[in-house]
Amino acid sequence: MFSAIPSLAQQKFYLDLNDRGNDIFTVTLLPQKLSEENRIYQFASTAPGTYERMDLGRFVRSFQAYDKDGNEIETKQESLNQWSISQPENVEKIIYEIEDTWDTPVDSDYVYRMGGSNIEDDNVLINGHCLFGYFHGMQSEPILVKIDYPDDWLAGTALKLNDDGYYEAETYDHIVDSPILLGNLTRESTTVSETKVDVFTYSKTGLIKSSDILGLIEDILKAEDDFTKGLPVDDYTFLFHFQDVSHGAWEHSYSSEYIYKEDSLTERLKQSIRETVAHEFFHIVTPLNIHSELVEKFNFEKPVMSQHLWLYEGVTEWASHILILRDSITTLEDYLNDLHRKIMYSDNFPDSISLTYLGVNAVDLHDQYINIYMKGAVVAALLDIRLLDLSNGERGLRDVINELSHKYGPKKPFNEKTFFGDFTAMTYPEIADFFNRYVKGTEPLPLKEYYEKIGINYVKEGGYDSSQISLGIQVGFDGENFIIAKVDDESPYSDILKAGDIIDKVDGEKLSMANVQKIFSQISKTHKIGDKIEMTVLRDDEPIDLELTLIARKNNHIFSVNENATEKEIELRNAWMRNL
């Protein structure tokens, strides 16, 4: 087997997963040729694509360094995520223990499961930043990882094994970008055009198999292949974990991981998996092939976030829906309904924060970060229409994205500061104004004006839908709690509830990530207008018990096809609905 990684990597890690007690990983590190420059060993404060503080040093329980004779070398914890080594040049071996993030309670900055680590009797999830660190000055050096695990287990990862049984990573960034799922897994493979796709699945009771997942997503993979004019990766790995709670997914360059509660594959669960895969898989385009230097070499010590989160997540979310419309997997009505939901959700957030500001401050504005997926996708949809309009239907956002992917690629970042100008130079002068007003700026989005160009009507404020129930509030998640994000002016509870109130209980049941969907779904199915629910909110840590009456839901942001569209509008709509 050909290997691009030197056999004498600067850092070799060893894990023995045959011993899986106490939710603790024991990591053995064999460094090579350390010097005074490398005296600090760094654990990650966060990781690319998570936009949250993690501070993995919190989970370290012991850290010892030894020389070649087995004598312990003095180490010291210098800060939350850093350990210093008194004689780095004499270090032969380092052994440290680090707890898994799934089962270790924390007071704040909860680590979402898809970005965490887990060690159980029948499965292990490893995200590189949760177990491994790097010596200062060695972030760009190669890493080798050897893992011993039970003979009847499978291991799923995008990393390659060398002839000596080590997983190879070109850099620390690479190991963080390459999760590993091990355990009682099933595996299924396929080929999409020239790309080999593997699906590995852990299901607690064996209810869901990789063959089930692959059957669900094959048409999505084909649609992405059509959209990108050929997938820009040779191999891709999907990692699915079905157990006790749904948490979402996390993208990587050549893989993605998905955390779901194990349940029968209902239509709702199938749809969730398909939509999530469509989004995460498109990250092979951006940020893998289109990213700035801030993503190229990530600062794990003091992260600097990119203003182009609108591109990495907003454009990706737009693409994940438009590509299935253009491959006739979904209908125009369903696409417009999704657009409606995104704008409704975006209404929960202040309109005074630009997409670029939200990108740069994503870690500190974690309670508003989700708006990148909502408003960011809506802005991308408008940018697509603007490009099509300026080119007389010859060139849309999909075409520009594919051009950018070929111009840059995995090893060539764009300039963080000049990208807006570079994008404009590739397209039309008018696009600079679009960026200034709707991406860098906070002007109201021109939804009616733009969608009229493709023969679609838009009504900002409609009436009330008596078939749907509401409390006149919008619910958000701040990273730790479910909160009231906004209270509508027309809500009968505008004088009682306040934005920022923590929703503690609903009908006596404490709200959590594990049950929130079930609780609100059950209320929607079994309650009608005029029925009452009990809610306990926390304000300044004090509980407030309320009995609330359900009302009709206000129906805003309504899209419909214009049956009287002009020939020009219909022609542009036809161009918009297909891959040019």
Protein backbone atom coordinates (compact mmCIF):
# COMPACT_ATOMS: atom_id res chain seq x y z
CA MET A 1 0.00 0.00 0.00
CA PHE A 2 1.39 3.39 -0.98
CA SER A 3 1.53 5.86 1.90
CA ALA A 4 2.04 9.61 1.73
CA ILE A 5 2.63 9.75 5.51
CA PRO A 6 6.19 9.27 6.80
CA SER A 7 6.57 6.05 8.81
CA LEU A 8 8.24 8.12 11.54
CA ALA A 9 5.38 10.54 12.20
CA GLN A 10 5.91 13.28 14.75
CA GLN A 11 3.07 11.94 16.88
CA LYS A 12 1.94 8.33 17.28
CA PHE A 13 -1.15 7.60 19.33
CA TYR A 14 -2.29 4.25 20.68
CA LEU A 15 -5.72 3.29 22.05
CA ASP A 16 -6.74 -0.06 23.53
CA LEU A 17 -10.52 -0.31 23.25
CA ASN A 18 -10.58 -3.83 24.62
CA ASP A 19 -10.66 -2.09 28.02
CA ARG A 20 -13.73 0.17 27.98
CA GLY A 21 -14.51 0.81 31.63
CA ASN A 22 -15.58 4.00 33.43
CA ASP A 23 -16.30 6.08 30.30
CA ILE A 24 -12.59 6.93 30.10
CA PHE A 25 -10.16 6.70 27.20
CA THR A 26 -6.53 5.95 28.04
CA VAL A 27 -4.34 7.52 25.37
CA THR A 28 -0.68 6.60 24.88
CA LEU A 29 1.36 9.08 22.85
CA LEU A 30 4.81 8.33 21.44
CA PRO A 31 6.27 11.65 20.25
CA GLN A 32 9.40 12.03 18.13
CA LYS A 33 12.19 14.60 18.48
CA LEU A 34 10.55 17.14 20.74
CA SER A 35 12.34 20.39 21.54
CA GLU A 36 11.75 23.38 23.79
CA GLU A 37 9.48 24.81 21.08
CA ASN A 38 7.17 21.84 21.65
CA ARG A 39 6.93 22.05 25.45
CA ILE A 40 3.18 22.90 25.38
CA TYR A 41 0.69 20.14 24.62
CA GLN A 42 -2.57 21.66 23.39
CA PHE A 43 -6.09 20.26 23.61
CA ALA A 44 -8.70 21.84 21.35
CA SER A 45 -10.89 24.68 22.58
CA THR A 46 -13.30 24.03 19.71
CA ALA A 47 -13.37 22.40 16.27
CA PRO A 48 -14.20 23.56 12.73
CA GLY A 49 -17.88 23.43 11.88
CA THR A 50 -19.13 23.29 15.50
CA TYR A 51 -19.24 27.03 16.26
CA GLU A 52 -19.26 26.34 19.99
CA ARG A 53 -16.86 26.34 22.91
CA MET A 54 -15.80 22.83 23.86
CA ASP A 55 -12.60 23.20 25.93
CA LEU A 56 -11.66 19.53 25.79
CA GLY A 57 -9.06 20.05 28.51
CA ARG A 58 -12.00 19.93 30.93
CA PHE A 59 -12.26 16.20 30.34
CA VAL A 60 -8.60 15.30 31.03
CA ARG A 61 -8.24 13.37 34.30
CA SER A 62 -4.52 12.60 34.32
CA PHE A 63 -1.47 13.56 32.25
CA GLN A 64 1.99 11.99 32.74
CA ALA A 65 5.18 12.11 30.68
CA TYR A 66 8.05 9.58 30.91
CA ASP A 67 11.63 9.33 29.66
CA LYS A 68 13.17 6.26 27.99
CA ASP A 69 13.98 4.70 31.39
CA GLY A 70 10.42 5.03 32.62
CA ASN A 71 11.12 7.96 34.92
CA GLU A 72 8.32 10.50 35.18
CA ILE A 73 9.00 13.96 33.77
CA GLU A 74 7.33 16.90 35.46
CA THR A 75 4.25 18.28 33.73
CA LYS A 76 1.96 21.14 34.69
CA GLN A 77 -1.49 22.22 33.61
CA GLU A 78 -0.93 25.80 32.47
CA SER A 79 -4.51 26.58 31.46
CA LEU A 80 -7.77 24.83 30.78
CA ASN A 81 -6.51 23.26 27.54
CA GLN A 82 -2.71 23.33 27.90
CA TRP A 83 -0.12 21.16 29.65
CA SER A 84 3.56 22.07 29.79
CA ILE A 85 6.39 19.53 29.86
CA SER A 86 9.53 20.49 31.77
CA GLN A 87 11.98 18.47 29.63
CA PRO A 88 10.32 17.90 26.25
CA GLU A 89 13.58 16.75 24.62
CA ASN A 90 13.67 13.74 27.00
CA VAL A 91 10.09 12.59 26.52
CA GLU A 92 9.72 9.01 25.33
CA LYS A 93 6.05 8.49 26.14
CA ILE A 94 3.00 10.38 27.39
CA ILE A 95 -0.04 8.70 28.91
CA TYR A 96 -3.21 10.58 29.70
CA GLU A 97 -6.78 9.73 30.60
CA ILE A 98 -9.66 11.67 29.11
CA GLU A 99 -13.36 11.17 29.80
CA ASP A 100 -15.92 10.71 27.09
CA THR A 101 -18.07 13.79 26.50
CA TRP A 102 -21.40 11.97 26.18
CA ASP A 103 -21.56 10.74 29.77
CA THR A 104 -19.52 13.34 31.62
CA PRO A 105 -21.73 16.04 33.19
CA VAL A 106 -20.68 19.65 32.61
CA ASP A 107 -22.08 22.90 33.99
CA SER A 108 -21.85 24.81 30.72
CA ASP A 109 -20.71 24.58 27.09
CA TYR A 110 -22.32 21.20 26.53
CA VAL A 111 -20.64 19.24 23.74
CA TYR A 112 -23.18 18.07 21.19
CA ARG A 113 -23.02 14.33 20.68
CA MET A 114 -22.14 14.46 16.99
CA GLY A 115 -19.04 16.47 17.94
CA GLY A 116 -18.21 14.45 21.03
CA SER A 117 -16.82 11.09 22.15
CA ASN A 118 -18.48 8.00 23.56
CA ILE A 119 -17.20 4.69 24.89
CA GLU A 120 -19.65 1.85 25.56
CA ASP A 121 -19.64 -1.94 25.71
CA ASP A 122 -20.75 -2.38 22.11
CA ASN A 123 -19.64 0.82 20.35
CA VAL A 124 -17.18 3.70 20.49
CA LEU A 125 -17.33 7.10 18.80
CA ILE A 126 -14.10 9.03 18.39
CA ASN A 127 -13.96 12.62 17.22
CA GLY A 128 -10.26 13.45 16.98
CA HIS A 129 -10.33 16.71 18.94
CA CYS A 130 -11.99 14.90 21.87
CA LEU A 131 -9.07 12.51 22.40
CA PHE A 132 -6.00 13.89 20.70
CA GLY A 133 -4.04 17.10 21.08
CA TYR A 134 -0.89 18.43 19.47
CA PHE A 135 2.42 19.97 20.53
CA HIS A 136 2.86 23.64 19.80
CA GLY A 137 4.73 23.93 16.53
CA MET A 138 3.45 20.55 15.32
CA GLN A 139 -0.14 21.17 14.25
CA SER A 140 0.87 20.62 10.62
CA GLU A 141 2.90 17.47 11.30
CA PRO A 142 1.68 13.95 10.40
CA ILE A 143 -0.14 11.80 12.96
CA LEU A 144 -0.49 8.03 13.21
CA VAL A 145 -3.19 6.36 15.31
CA LYS A 146 -3.36 2.67 16.20
CA ILE A 147 -6.52 1.28 17.77
CA ASP A 148 -6.95 -2.21 19.23
CA TYR A 149 -10.57 -3.33 19.47
CA PRO A 150 -12.58 -6.59 19.65
CA ASP A 151 -12.19 -8.92 16.68
CA ASP A 152 -15.93 -8.97 15.95
CA TRP A 153 -16.18 -5.18 15.67
CA LEU A 154 -16.14 -3.07 12.52
CA ALA A 155 -14.48 0.34 12.23
CA GLY A 156 -15.87 3.06 10.00
CA THR A 157 -13.82 6.13 9.05
CA ALA A 158 -12.53 8.05 6.05
CA LEU A 159 -8.96 7.61 7.34
CA LYS A 160 -6.73 5.10 5.57
CA LEU A 161 -4.86 2.26 7.28
CA ASN A 162 -1.19 1.73 6.46
CA ASP A 163 0.54 -1.65 6.30
CA ASP A 164 1.47 -1.42 9.99
CA GLY A 165 -2.15 -1.03 11.08
CA TYR A 166 -2.01 2.70 11.82
CA TYR A 167 -4.61 5.18 10.68
CA GLU A 168 -2.82 7.99 8.84
CA ALA A 169 -3.55 11.69 9.16
CA GLU A 170 -1.54 14.31 7.30
CA THR A 171 -1.98 16.90 10.07
CA TYR A 172 -3.80 17.50 13.35
CA ASP A 173 -6.52 19.24 11.33
CA HIS A 174 -6.91 16.02 9.33
CA ILE A 175 -7.42 13.81 12.40
CA VAL A 176 -10.05 16.25 13.72
CA ASP A 177 -11.71 16.13 10.30
CA SER A 178 -11.97 12.32 10.38
CA PRO A 179 -14.30 10.76 12.98
CA ILE A 180 -14.12 7.03 13.73
CA LEU A 181 -17.11 4.87 14.66
CA LEU A 182 -16.37 1.37 15.96
CA GLY A 183 -18.49 -1.45 17.34
CA ASN A 184 -21.24 -3.82 16.33
CA LEU A 185 -21.83 -2.06 13.03
CA THR A 186 -23.36 -2.94 9.70
CA ARG A 187 -21.79 -1.80 6.46
CA GLU A 188 -23.09 -1.16 2.96
CA SER A 189 -21.30 0.32 -0.05
CA THR A 190 -22.15 1.76 -3.44
CA THR A 191 -20.57 3.80 -6.20
CA VAL A 192 -21.95 7.13 -7.41
CA SER A 193 -20.34 7.95 -10.74
CA GLU A 194 -16.70 7.38 -9.79
CA THR A 195 -17.06 8.00 -6.04
CA LYS A 196 -17.06 5.05 -3.63
CA VAL A 197 -19.55 5.56 -0.81
CA ASP A 198 -19.53 3.56 2.45
CA VAL A 199 -22.29 3.58 5.07
CA PHE A 200 -21.54 2.32 8.60
CA THR A 201 -24.40 2.07 11.10
CA TYR A 202 -24.61 1.37 14.81
CA SER A 203 -28.15 0.58 15.96
CA LYS A 204 -28.58 -0.28 19.64
CA THR A 205 -30.96 -3.19 19.06
CA GLY A 206 -30.07 -3.82 15.43
CA LEU A 207 -33.32 -2.24 14.26
CA ILE A 208 -31.73 -0.13 11.51
CA LYS A 209 -29.18 -1.46 9.04
CA SER A 210 -26.80 0.30 6.67
CA SER A 211 -28.75 -1.19 3.77
CA ASP A 212 -31.83 0.68 5.03
CA ILE A 213 -29.91 3.95 5.13
CA LEU A 214 -28.35 3.51 1.71
CA GLY A 215 -31.74 2.73 0.21
CA LEU A 216 -33.04 5.99 1.67
CA ILE A 217 -30.30 8.26 0.34
CA GLU A 218 -29.13 6.88 -3.00
CA ASP A 219 -31.32 9.25 -5.01
CA ILE A 220 -30.00 12.17 -2.92
CA LEU A 221 -26.42 11.17 -3.74
CA LYS A 222 -27.27 11.02 -7.44
CA ALA A 223 -28.91 14.46 -7.27
CA GLU A 224 -25.77 15.88 -5.65
CA ASP A 225 -23.68 14.27 -8.39
CA ASP A 226 -25.86 15.93 -11.03
CA PHE A 227 -25.71 19.28 -9.25
CA THR A 228 -21.91 19.28 -8.96
CA LYS A 229 -21.31 17.82 -12.44
CA GLY A 230 -19.44 14.93 -10.83
CA LEU A 231 -18.72 14.54 -7.12
CA PRO A 232 -15.38 16.18 -6.19
CA VAL A 233 -14.21 13.31 -3.92
CA ASP A 234 -13.00 9.78 -4.64
CA ASP A 235 -14.35 8.28 -1.41
CA TYR A 236 -16.95 9.25 1.17
CA THR A 237 -18.04 7.65 4.45
CA PHE A 238 -21.37 8.02 6.29
CA LEU A 239 -21.41 7.17 10.01
CA PHE A 240 -24.84 6.64 11.61
CA HIS A 241 -25.45 6.12 15.33
CA PHE A 242 -28.93 5.16 16.55
CA GLN A 243 -29.40 4.93 20.31
CA ASP A 244 -31.33 7.01 22.85
CA VAL A 245 -31.51 10.59 21.57
CA SER A 246 -31.46 12.62 18.35
CA HIS A 247 -28.83 15.34 18.24
CA GLY A 248 -28.18 16.08 14.58
CA ALA A 249 -25.17 15.69 12.34
CA TRP A 250 -21.68 17.04 11.72
CA GLU A 251 -19.97 17.36 8.37
CA HIS A 252 -16.38 16.60 7.48
CA SER A 253 -14.42 16.74 4.25
CA TYR A 254 -14.73 13.06 3.37
CA SER A 255 -17.27 11.83 5.90
CA SER A 256 -20.18 12.87 8.09
CA GLU A 257 -21.73 11.51 11.28
CA TYR A 258 -25.37 11.39 12.35
CA ILE A 259 -26.81 10.92 15.84
CA TYR A 260 -30.43 9.75 15.99
CA LYS A 261 -32.70 8.12 18.51
CA GLU A 262 -33.27 4.50 17.54
CA ASP A 263 -36.81 4.07 16.30
CA SER A 264 -38.65 2.47 13.44
CA LEU A 265 -38.08 4.24 10.14
CA THR A 266 -41.23 6.34 10.11
CA GLU A 267 -41.85 8.75 7.24
CA ARG A 268 -40.85 11.61 9.52
CA LEU A 269 -37.54 9.98 10.46
CA LYS A 270 -36.85 9.06 6.84
CA GLN A 271 -37.44 12.65 5.75
CA SER A 272 -35.17 13.96 8.50
CA ILE A 273 -32.36 11.62 7.47
CA ARG A 274 -32.73 12.50 3.78
CA GLU A 275 -32.74 16.26 4.37
CA THR A 276 -29.81 16.07 6.77
CA VAL A 277 -27.75 13.92 4.40
CA ALA A 278 -28.48 16.30 1.52
CA HIS A 279 -27.05 19.15 3.60
CA GLU A 280 -24.04 17.42 5.16
CA PHE A 281 -22.97 15.68 1.95
CA PHE A 282 -22.89 18.99 0.06
CA HIS A 283 -20.06 20.12 2.34
CA ILE A 284 -17.77 18.24 -0.06
CA VAL A 285 -18.18 21.43 -2.11
CA THR A 286 -18.01 24.03 0.61
CA PRO A 287 -16.01 24.24 2.76
CA LEU A 288 -13.92 21.32 1.40
CA ASN A 289 -13.32 22.88 -2.02
CA ILE A 290 -14.28 26.50 -1.29
CA HIS A 291 -12.89 27.92 1.96
CA SER A 292 -10.73 30.74 3.29
CA GLU A 293 -7.36 30.53 4.99
CA LEU A 294 -9.11 30.62 8.38
CA VAL A 295 -10.56 27.19 7.62
CA GLU A 296 -7.44 25.90 5.84
CA LYS A 297 -5.41 26.01 9.06
CA PHE A 298 -7.76 26.25 11.98
CA ASN A 299 -6.71 27.93 15.24
CA PHE A 300 -7.62 25.32 17.88
CA GLU A 301 -6.18 27.41 20.70
CA LYS A 302 -7.92 30.74 20.06
CA PRO A 303 -10.35 30.21 17.18
CA VAL A 304 -10.91 33.01 14.67
CA MET A 305 -14.25 32.56 12.93
CA SER A 306 -14.89 33.36 9.28
CA GLN A 307 -17.29 36.01 8.02
CA HIS A 308 -18.17 33.58 5.23
CA LEU A 309 -20.29 31.25 7.33
CA TRP A 310 -23.14 32.38 5.03
CA LEU A 311 -21.30 30.46 2.29
CA TYR A 312 -20.32 27.36 4.27
CA GLU A 313 -23.74 26.81 5.85
CA GLY A 314 -26.26 29.14 4.20
CA VAL A 315 -25.37 28.25 0.61
CA THR A 316 -25.06 24.58 1.59
CA GLU A 317 -28.56 24.59 3.09
CA TRP A 318 -29.94 26.28 -0.04
CA ALA A 319 -28.19 23.77 -2.29
CA SER A 320 -29.46 20.78 -0.31
CA HIS A 321 -33.05 21.75 -1.15
CA ILE A 322 -32.75 23.20 -4.65
CA LEU A 323 -30.81 20.17 -5.93
CA ILE A 324 -33.58 17.73 -4.98
CA LEU A 325 -36.13 20.04 -6.62
CA ARG A 326 -34.09 20.08 -9.81
CA ASP A 327 -33.80 16.29 -9.80
CA SER A 328 -37.60 16.01 -9.38
CA ILE A 329 -37.23 14.34 -5.98
CA THR A 330 -39.44 16.98 -4.38
CA THR A 331 -42.16 19.25 -5.73
CA LEU A 332 -42.17 23.00 -6.22
CA GLU A 333 -44.90 23.24 -3.58
CA ASP A 334 -42.76 21.39 -1.03
CA TYR A 335 -39.77 23.57 -1.88
CA LEU A 336 -41.79 26.76 -1.36
CA ASN A 337 -43.20 25.39 1.91
CA ASP A 338 -39.67 24.84 3.17
CA LEU A 339 -38.77 28.40 2.14
CA HIS A 340 -41.82 29.61 4.08
CA ARG A 341 -40.71 27.71 7.20
CA LYS A 342 -37.19 29.13 7.02
CA ILE A 343 -38.43 32.72 6.84
CA MET A 344 -40.92 32.10 9.66
CA TYR A 345 -38.10 30.71 11.81
CA SER A 346 -35.80 33.56 10.86
CA ASP A 347 -38.41 36.00 12.16
CA ASN A 348 -37.44 34.81 15.67
CA PHE A 349 -34.10 36.56 15.44
CA PRO A 350 -33.14 40.25 15.46
CA ASP A 351 -32.87 41.67 11.95
CA SER A 352 -30.10 44.04 13.06
CA ILE A 353 -27.40 41.33 12.87
CA SER A 354 -25.82 40.77 9.45
CA LEU A 355 -24.81 37.34 8.19
CA THR A 356 -21.13 38.34 8.17
CA TYR A 357 -21.31 39.60 11.77
CA LEU A 358 -23.06 36.39 12.82
CA GLY A 359 -20.32 34.36 11.15
CA VAL A 360 -17.45 36.15 12.88
CA ASN A 361 -19.24 36.01 16.25
CA ALA A 362 -20.89 32.59 15.91
CA VAL A 363 -19.37 31.21 19.13
CA ASP A 364 -20.59 34.15 21.23
CA LEU A 365 -23.97 34.33 19.47
CA HIS A 366 -24.72 30.64 19.80
CA ASP A 367 -28.39 31.28 20.53
CA GLN A 368 -28.68 32.97 17.11
CA TYR A 369 -26.33 30.78 15.12
CA ILE A 370 -29.18 28.66 13.71
CA ASN A 371 -30.26 31.70 11.68
CA ILE A 372 -27.33 31.06 9.34
CA TYR A 373 -29.25 27.98 8.15
CA MET A 374 -32.48 29.96 7.85
CA LYS A 375 -31.77 33.49 6.67
CA GLY A 376 -28.49 32.35 5.12
CA ALA A 377 -30.31 29.84 2.90
CA VAL A 378 -32.98 32.40 1.96
CA VAL A 379 -30.29 34.92 0.98
CA ALA A 380 -28.54 32.25 -1.11
CA ALA A 381 -31.84 31.56 -2.88
CA LEU A 382 -32.19 35.26 -3.67
CA LEU A 383 -28.59 35.41 -4.91
CA ASP A 384 -29.36 32.52 -7.26
CA ILE A 385 -32.35 34.39 -8.71
CA ARG A 386 -30.32 37.60 -9.04
CA LEU A 387 -27.57 35.81 -10.96
CA LEU A 388 -30.09 34.12 -13.25
CA ASP A 389 -31.83 37.43 -13.89
CA LEU A 390 -28.57 39.23 -14.73
CA SER A 391 -27.49 36.42 -17.07
CA ASN A 392 -30.88 36.05 -18.79
CA GLY A 393 -31.24 32.56 -17.36
CA GLU A 394 -27.81 31.34 -18.46
CA ARG A 395 -25.94 31.21 -15.14
CA GLY A 396 -27.09 30.81 -11.55
CA LEU A 397 -25.50 30.27 -8.15
CA ARG A 398 -24.99 26.57 -8.85
CA ASP A 399 -22.82 27.40 -11.84
CA VAL A 400 -20.74 29.97 -9.93
CA ILE A 401 -20.25 27.55 -7.02
CA ASN A 402 -18.98 24.86 -9.40
CA GLU A 403 -16.62 27.39 -10.99
CA LEU A 404 -15.31 28.40 -7.55
CA SER A 405 -14.82 24.74 -6.63
CA HIS A 406 -12.59 24.23 -9.67
CA LYS A 407 -10.77 27.53 -9.13
CA TYR A 408 -9.80 26.77 -5.54
CA GLY A 409 -10.13 23.16 -4.34
CA PRO A 410 -9.08 21.42 -1.10
CA LYS A 411 -5.53 22.80 -1.01
CA LYS A 412 -6.06 26.37 -2.23
CA PRO A 413 -8.00 28.72 0.09
CA PHE A 414 -9.62 31.93 -1.03
CA ASN A 415 -8.75 35.24 0.61
CA GLU A 416 -11.00 35.89 3.62
CA LYS A 417 -10.93 39.66 3.09
CA THR A 418 -11.25 39.89 -0.70
CA PHE A 419 -13.69 37.06 -1.43
CA PHE A 420 -16.73 39.28 -1.94
CA GLY A 421 -14.79 41.27 -4.53
CA ASP A 422 -13.43 38.11 -6.14
CA PHE A 423 -16.95 36.65 -6.40
CA THR A 424 -18.22 39.89 -7.93
CA ALA A 425 -15.37 39.97 -10.46
CA MET A 426 -16.37 36.46 -11.59
CA THR A 427 -20.00 37.50 -12.05
CA TYR A 428 -21.57 40.96 -12.38
CA PRO A 429 -20.93 44.40 -10.84
CA GLU A 430 -24.47 44.43 -9.42
CA ILE A 431 -23.60 41.50 -7.13
CA ALA A 432 -21.41 43.81 -5.02
CA ASP A 433 -24.55 45.77 -4.15
CA PHE A 434 -26.35 42.53 -3.27
CA PHE A 435 -23.57 41.52 -0.86
CA ASN A 436 -23.44 44.97 0.71
CA ARG A 437 -27.18 45.11 1.32
CA TYR A 438 -28.12 41.56 2.29
CA VAL A 439 -24.98 39.67 3.42
CA LYS A 440 -22.84 42.40 4.97
CA GLY A 441 -25.87 44.60 5.59
CA THR A 442 -29.25 44.11 7.21
CA GLU A 443 -31.69 45.60 4.71
CA PRO A 444 -35.09 43.86 4.39
CA LEU A 445 -34.84 41.00 1.91
CA PRO A 446 -36.42 41.70 -1.53
CA LEU A 447 -38.55 38.56 -1.49
CA LYS A 448 -41.53 39.91 -3.42
CA GLU A 449 -39.40 41.68 -6.04
CA TYR A 450 -37.12 38.72 -6.74
CA TYR A 451 -39.69 35.91 -6.72
CA GLU A 452 -41.93 37.88 -9.07
CA LYS A 453 -39.08 37.59 -11.59
CA ILE A 454 -39.67 33.82 -11.73
CA GLY A 455 -43.47 33.99 -11.64
CA ILE A 456 -43.96 33.20 -7.97
CA ASN A 457 -46.20 35.31 -5.73
CA TYR A 458 -45.12 36.29 -2.23
CA VAL A 459 -47.36 37.68 0.52
CA LYS A 460 -45.61 38.86 3.67
CA GLU A 461 -48.62 38.95 6.01
CA GLY A 462 -51.54 36.56 5.66
CA GLY A 463 -54.44 35.68 7.91
CA TYR A 464 -54.81 33.05 10.62
CA ASP A 465 -54.84 29.30 9.98
CA SER A 466 -57.52 27.76 12.19
CA SER A 467 -56.23 24.25 11.45
CA GLN A 468 -52.93 25.00 13.19
CA ILE A 469 -52.44 25.78 16.89
CA SER A 470 -50.04 28.25 18.45
CA LEU A 471 -49.22 30.23 21.58
CA GLY A 472 -48.02 33.22 19.61
CA ILE A 473 -44.44 32.52 20.63
CA GLN A 474 -41.33 31.24 18.88
CA VAL A 475 -39.16 28.62 20.60
CA GLY A 476 -35.38 28.59 20.28
CA PHE A 477 -32.39 26.75 21.75
CA ASP A 478 -29.46 28.63 23.28
CA GLY A 479 -27.06 25.69 23.40
CA GLU A 480 -28.19 24.54 26.83
CA ASN A 481 -31.91 25.31 27.24
CA PHE A 482 -35.05 25.70 25.19
CA ILE A 483 -36.04 29.33 25.40
CA ILE A 484 -38.76 31.67 24.24
CA ALA A 485 -37.00 33.37 21.35
CA LYS A 486 -39.79 35.80 20.54
CA VAL A 487 -43.29 36.70 21.68
CA ASP A 488 -45.51 37.89 18.83
CA ASP A 489 -47.11 41.30 19.28
CA GLU A 490 -50.54 39.73 18.73
CA SER A 491 -49.96 36.97 21.29
CA PRO A 492 -52.37 37.04 24.25
CA TYR A 493 -49.32 36.35 26.41
CA SER A 494 -47.18 39.28 25.29
CA ASP A 495 -47.51 40.79 28.79
CA ILE A 496 -46.76 37.49 30.55
CA LEU A 497 -44.00 35.76 28.61
CA LYS A 498 -40.70 37.38 27.72
CA ALA A 499 -38.02 36.60 25.17
CA GLY A 500 -35.27 34.76 27.00
CA ASP A 501 -37.56 32.87 29.37
CA ILE A 502 -36.36 29.28 29.76
CA ILE A 503 -39.06 26.69 29.03
CA ASP A 504 -38.56 24.24 31.88
CA LYS A 505 -41.66 22.04 31.73
CA VAL A 506 -44.63 21.47 29.43
CA ASP A 507 -47.66 19.69 30.91
CA GLY A 508 -45.51 18.70 33.86
CA GLU A 509 -42.77 17.06 31.78
CA LYS A 510 -39.29 18.56 31.90
CA LEU A 511 -38.11 19.58 28.44
CA SER A 512 -34.92 18.02 27.05
CA MET A 513 -33.23 17.24 23.75
CA ALA A 514 -34.51 13.69 24.11
CA ASN A 515 -38.22 14.56 24.36
CA VAL A 516 -38.80 18.02 22.87
CA GLN A 517 -39.94 16.76 19.47
CA LYS A 518 -42.21 14.15 21.03
CA ILE A 519 -43.87 16.64 23.41
CA PHE A 520 -44.64 19.34 20.85
CA SER A 521 -45.62 16.80 18.19
CA GLN A 522 -48.06 15.19 20.61
CA ILE A 523 -49.62 18.55 21.46
CA SER A 524 -50.03 19.34 17.75
CA LYS A 525 -51.78 16.01 17.15
CA THR A 526 -54.09 15.92 20.18
CA HIS A 527 -54.93 19.57 20.93
CA LYS A 528 -57.13 22.13 19.21
CA ILE A 529 -57.75 25.87 19.43
CA GLY A 530 -59.08 26.74 22.89
CA ASP A 531 -57.40 23.81 24.65
CA LYS A 532 -55.06 24.61 27.52
CA ILE A 533 -51.54 23.48 28.31
CA GLU A 534 -49.44 23.96 31.42
CA MET A 535 -46.01 25.52 31.07
CA THR A 536 -43.31 26.32 33.62
CA VAL A 537 -40.76 28.93 32.61
CA LEU A 538 -37.66 30.05 34.46
CA ARG A 539 -36.92 33.75 34.68
CA ASP A 540 -33.91 34.84 36.72
CA ASP A 541 -33.78 31.22 37.98
CA GLU A 542 -37.28 31.57 39.45
CA PRO A 543 -40.05 29.20 38.22
CA ILE A 544 -43.30 30.68 36.89
CA ASP A 545 -46.21 28.26 36.47
CA LEU A 546 -48.65 29.19 33.71
CA GLU A 547 -51.84 27.84 32.16
CA LEU A 548 -51.95 28.88 28.51
CA THR A 549 -54.75 28.67 25.96
CA LEU A 550 -53.90 27.62 22.41
CA ILE A 551 -54.81 30.02 19.59
CA ALA A 552 -54.85 29.90 15.79
CA ARG A 553 -51.48 30.27 14.13
CA LYS A 554 -50.77 33.38 12.09
CA ASN A 555 -49.83 32.52 8.54
CA ASN A 556 -47.13 34.80 7.13
CA HIS A 557 -44.64 34.58 4.26
CA ILE A 558 -46.87 32.76 1.79
CA PHE A 559 -45.53 31.66 -1.61
CA SER A 560 -47.63 30.50 -4.55
CA VAL A 561 -47.17 30.02 -8.28
CA ASN A 562 -48.44 32.98 -10.31
CA GLU A 563 -50.91 31.48 -12.77
CA ASN A 564 -50.79 34.72 -14.79
CA ALA A 565 -47.01 34.93 -15.05
CA THR A 566 -45.57 36.50 -18.19
CA GLU A 567 -43.70 34.49 -20.78
CA LYS A 568 -40.42 36.02 -19.59
CA GLU A 569 -41.14 35.10 -15.97
CA ILE A 570 -42.05 31.53 -16.92
CA GLU A 571 -38.89 31.22 -19.01
CA LEU A 572 -36.73 32.37 -16.09
CA ARG A 573 -38.61 30.04 -13.71
CA ASN A 574 -37.92 27.10 -16.03
CA ALA A 575 -34.21 27.97 -15.99
CA TRP A 576 -34.33 28.28 -12.18
CA MET A 577 -35.89 24.82 -11.81
CA ARG A 578 -33.21 22.92 -13.71
CA ASN A 579 -29.46 22.40 -13.66
CA LEU A 580 -28.17 24.57 -16.51
